[in-house]
C-alpha atoms as a PDB file:
ATOM      1  CA  UNK A   1       0.000   0.000   0.000  1.00  0.00           C
ATOM      2  CA  UNK A   2       1.211   3.469  -0.900  1.00  0.00           C
ATOM      3  CA  UNK A   3       2.238   5.821   1.852  1.00  0.00           C
ATOM      4  CA  UNK A   4      -0.165   8.697   1.323  1.00  0.00           C
ATOM      5  CA  UNK A   5       0.139  12.072   3.032  1.00  0.00           C
ATOM      6  CA  UNK A   6      -2.505  13.075   5.556  1.00  0.00           C
ATOM      7  CA  UNK A   7      -5.575  14.735   4.143  1.00  0.00           C
ATOM      8  CA  UNK A   8      -5.596  18.481   4.715  1.00  0.00           C
ATOM      9  CA  UNK A   9      -8.821  20.196   3.709  1.00  0.00           C
ATOM     10  CA  UNK A  10      -7.364  23.705   3.594  1.00  0.00           C
ATOM     11  CA  UNK A  11      -4.278  22.687   1.624  1.00  0.00           C
ATOM     12  CA  UNK A  12      -6.393  20.724  -0.860  1.00  0.00           C
ATOM     13  CA  UNK A  13      -8.808  23.644  -1.171  1.00  0.00           C
ATOM     14  CA  UNK A  14      -5.916  25.955  -1.996  1.00  0.00           C
ATOM     15  CA  UNK A  15      -4.920  23.581  -4.815  1.00  0.00           C
ATOM     16  CA  UNK A  16      -8.466  23.745  -6.177  1.00  0.00           C
ATOM     17  CA  UNK A  17      -8.464  27.534  -6.056  1.00  0.00           C
ATOM     18  CA  UNK A  18      -5.080  27.600  -7.809  1.00  0.00           C
ATOM     19  CA  UNK A  19      -6.595  25.413 -10.523  1.00  0.00           C
ATOM     20  CA  UNK A  20      -9.562  27.750 -10.954  1.00  0.00           C
ATOM     21  CA  UNK A  21      -7.235  30.745 -11.101  1.00  0.00           C
ATOM     22  CA  UNK A  22      -5.084  29.053 -13.735  1.00  0.00           C
ATOM     23  CA  UNK A  23      -8.087  28.115 -15.855  1.00  0.00           C
ATOM     24  CA  UNK A  24      -9.446  31.662 -15.581  1.00  0.00           C
ATOM     25  CA  UNK A  25      -6.110  33.176 -16.590  1.00  0.00           C
ATOM     26  CA  UNK A  26      -5.386  30.783 -19.466  1.00  0.00           C
ATOM     27  CA  UNK A  27      -8.696  29.647 -20.972  1.00  0.00           C
ATOM     28  CA  UNK A  28     -10.566  32.196 -23.077  1.00  0.00           C
ATOM     29  CA  UNK A  29     -13.641  29.960 -23.279  1.00  0.00           C
ATOM     30  CA  UNK A  30     -13.826  29.868 -19.465  1.00  0.00           C
ATOM     31  CA  UNK A  31     -13.901  33.678 -19.352  1.00  0.00           C
ATOM     32  CA  UNK A  32     -16.621  33.792 -22.007  1.00  0.00           C
ATOM     33  CA  UNK A  33     -18.695  31.218 -20.141  1.00  0.00           C
ATOM     34  CA  UNK A  34     -18.312  33.166 -16.883  1.00  0.00           C
ATOM     35  CA  UNK A  35     -19.326  36.382 -18.652  1.00  0.00           C
ATOM     36  CA  UNK A  36     -22.591  34.684 -19.603  1.00  0.00           C
ATOM     37  CA  UNK A  37     -23.138  32.633 -16.449  1.00  0.00           C
ATOM     38  CA  UNK A  38     -22.585  35.335 -13.812  1.00  0.00           C
ATOM     39  CA  UNK A  39     -25.357  37.634 -15.129  1.00  0.00           C
ATOM     40  CA  UNK A  40     -27.672  34.622 -15.424  1.00  0.00           C
ATOM     41  CA  UNK A  41     -27.009  33.785 -11.768  1.00  0.00           C
ATOM     42  CA  UNK A  42     -28.119  37.314 -10.876  1.00  0.00           C
ATOM     43  CA  UNK A  43     -31.185  37.116 -13.144  1.00  0.00           C
ATOM     44  CA  UNK A  44     -32.389  33.850 -11.634  1.00  0.00           C
ATOM     45  CA  UNK A  45     -32.529  35.468  -8.178  1.00  0.00           C
ATOM     46  CA  UNK A  46     -35.319  37.749  -9.429  1.00  0.00           C
ATOM     47  CA  UNK A  47     -37.378  35.008 -11.078  1.00  0.00           C
ATOM     48  CA  UNK A  48     -40.531  33.935  -9.277  1.00  0.00           C
ATOM     49  CA  UNK A  49     -39.489  30.313  -8.743  1.00  0.00           C
ATOM     50  CA  UNK A  50     -39.566  27.750  -5.992  1.00  0.00           C
ATOM     51  CA  UNK A  51     -36.343  26.879  -4.220  1.00  0.00           C
ATOM     52  CA  UNK A  52     -36.130  23.791  -6.418  1.00  0.00           C
ATOM     53  CA  UNK A  53     -36.501  25.911  -9.552  1.00  0.00           C
ATOM     54  CA  UNK A  54     -33.667  28.189  -8.483  1.00  0.00           C
ATOM     55  CA  UNK A  55     -31.486  25.200  -7.645  1.00  0.00           C
ATOM     56  CA  UNK A  56     -32.113  23.595 -11.027  1.00  0.00           C
ATOM     57  CA  UNK A  57     -31.048  26.775 -12.820  1.00  0.00           C
ATOM     58  CA  UNK A  58     -27.935  27.243 -10.669  1.00  0.00           C
ATOM     59  CA  UNK A  59     -26.893  23.592 -10.939  1.00  0.00           C
ATOM     60  CA  UNK A  60     -27.301  23.674 -14.718  1.00  0.00           C
ATOM     61  CA  UNK A  61     -24.941  26.661 -14.916  1.00  0.00           C
ATOM     62  CA  UNK A  62     -22.378  25.164 -12.562  1.00  0.00           C
ATOM     63  CA  UNK A  63     -22.467  22.023 -14.705  1.00  0.00           C
ATOM     64  CA  UNK A  64     -20.951  24.088 -17.508  1.00  0.00           C
ATOM     65  CA  UNK A  65     -18.170  25.402 -15.264  1.00  0.00           C
ATOM     66  CA  UNK A  66     -17.422  21.947 -13.872  1.00  0.00           C
ATOM     67  CA  UNK A  67     -17.304  20.423 -17.344  1.00  0.00           C
ATOM     68  CA  UNK A  68     -15.014  23.199 -18.585  1.00  0.00           C
ATOM     69  CA  UNK A  69     -12.645  22.535 -15.673  1.00  0.00           C
ATOM     70  CA  UNK A  70     -12.533  18.824 -16.527  1.00  0.00           C
ATOM     71  CA  UNK A  71     -11.998  19.650 -20.206  1.00  0.00           C
ATOM     72  CA  UNK A  72      -9.112  21.960 -19.322  1.00  0.00           C
ATOM     73  CA  UNK A  73      -7.537  19.160 -17.300  1.00  0.00           C
ATOM     74  CA  UNK A  74      -7.872  16.773 -20.245  1.00  0.00           C
ATOM     75  CA  UNK A  75      -6.305  19.319 -22.588  1.00  0.00           C
ATOM     76  CA  UNK A  76      -3.360  19.883 -20.267  1.00  0.00           C
ATOM     77  CA  UNK A  77      -2.734  16.150 -19.839  1.00  0.00           C
ATOM     78  CA  UNK A  78      -2.849  15.614 -23.597  1.00  0.00           C
ATOM     79  CA  UNK A  79      -0.495  18.544 -24.192  1.00  0.00           C
ATOM     80  CA  UNK A  80       1.908  17.129 -21.611  1.00  0.00           C
ATOM     81  CA  UNK A  81       1.829  13.621 -23.082  1.00  0.00           C
ATOM     82  CA  UNK A  82       1.949  14.544 -26.780  1.00  0.00           C
ATOM     83  CA  UNK A  83       4.287  17.227 -28.028  1.00  0.00           C
ATOM     84  CA  UNK A  84       3.441  16.590 -31.683  1.00  0.00           C
ATOM     85  CA  UNK A  85       0.066  16.137 -33.350  1.00  0.00           C
ATOM     86  CA  UNK A  86      -1.525  12.772 -32.706  1.00  0.00           C
ATOM     87  CA  UNK A  87      -4.917  11.372 -33.752  1.00  0.00           C
ATOM     88  CA  UNK A  88      -5.707   9.963 -30.290  1.00  0.00           C
ATOM     89  CA  UNK A  89      -4.717  13.250 -28.664  1.00  0.00           C
ATOM     90  CA  UNK A  90      -7.102  15.062 -31.004  1.00  0.00           C
ATOM     91  CA  UNK A  91      -9.887  12.610 -30.187  1.00  0.00           C
ATOM     92  CA  UNK A  92      -9.333  13.110 -26.448  1.00  0.00           C
ATOM     93  CA  UNK A  93      -9.493  16.888 -26.809  1.00  0.00           C
ATOM     94  CA  UNK A  94     -12.534  16.656 -29.083  1.00  0.00           C
ATOM     95  CA  UNK A  95     -14.304  14.432 -26.543  1.00  0.00           C
ATOM     96  CA  UNK A  96     -13.662  16.987 -23.803  1.00  0.00           C
ATOM     97  CA  UNK A  97     -14.950  19.775 -26.033  1.00  0.00           C
ATOM     98  CA  UNK A  98     -18.041  17.684 -26.816  1.00  0.00           C
ATOM     99  CA  UNK A  99     -18.736  17.325 -23.085  1.00  0.00           C
ATOM    100  CA  UNK A 100     -18.631  21.108 -22.664  1.00  0.00           C
ATOM    101  CA  UNK A 101     -20.858  21.547 -25.718  1.00  0.00           C
ATOM    102  CA  UNK A 102     -23.400  19.079 -24.322  1.00  0.00           C
ATOM    103  CA  UNK A 103     -23.373  20.703 -20.872  1.00  0.00           C
ATOM    104  CA  UNK A 104     -24.120  24.065 -22.492  1.00  0.00           C
ATOM    105  CA  UNK A 105     -26.937  22.440 -24.470  1.00  0.00           C
ATOM    106  CA  UNK A 106     -28.444  20.873 -21.352  1.00  0.00           C
ATOM    107  CA  UNK A 107     -28.214  24.133 -19.386  1.00  0.00           C
ATOM    108  CA  UNK A 108     -29.807  26.035 -22.270  1.00  0.00           C
ATOM    109  CA  UNK A 109     -32.652  23.533 -22.472  1.00  0.00           C
ATOM    110  CA  UNK A 110     -33.221  23.706 -18.708  1.00  0.00           C
ATOM    111  CA  UNK A 111     -33.347  27.509 -18.791  1.00  0.00           C
ATOM    112  CA  UNK A 112     -35.697  27.539 -21.795  1.00  0.00           C
ATOM    113  CA  UNK A 113     -38.096  25.101 -20.136  1.00  0.00           C
ATOM    114  CA  UNK A 114     -38.099  26.981 -16.819  1.00  0.00           C
ATOM    115  CA  UNK A 115     -38.624  30.371 -18.501  1.00  0.00           C
ATOM    116  CA  UNK A 116     -41.399  29.027 -20.745  1.00  0.00           C
ATOM    117  CA  UNK A 117     -43.152  27.536 -17.706  1.00  0.00           C
ATOM    118  CA  UNK A 118     -43.010  30.953 -16.053  1.00  0.00           C
ATOM    119  CA  UNK A 119     -44.493  32.657 -19.103  1.00  0.00           C
ATOM    120  CA  UNK A 120     -47.234  30.142 -19.912  1.00  0.00           C
END
């Protein structure tokens, strides 16, 4: 069995925050997504929804951010492993991009359904 260091919540949290900072500083798509998501988070506060409705909207938006973070991790691993162009590396990056695309699609659908239910 591997000798693992003791778990330290605060140290591990600082690593997570460093990761978010790095993604924010280096990923243009992350900045674009945040520029869209942050105003939507404010808008949803003013919608006449149940607690569950608000949670569904917020979770759908955070799904995009989470997926983008995972995609950025995939891209960095691929870049580290493959210095030259490689078909499998491209497929891995494309799969990560597809996950982000799908998460945006799901969030959009959720928002459309919730807004339409409010209107009609």
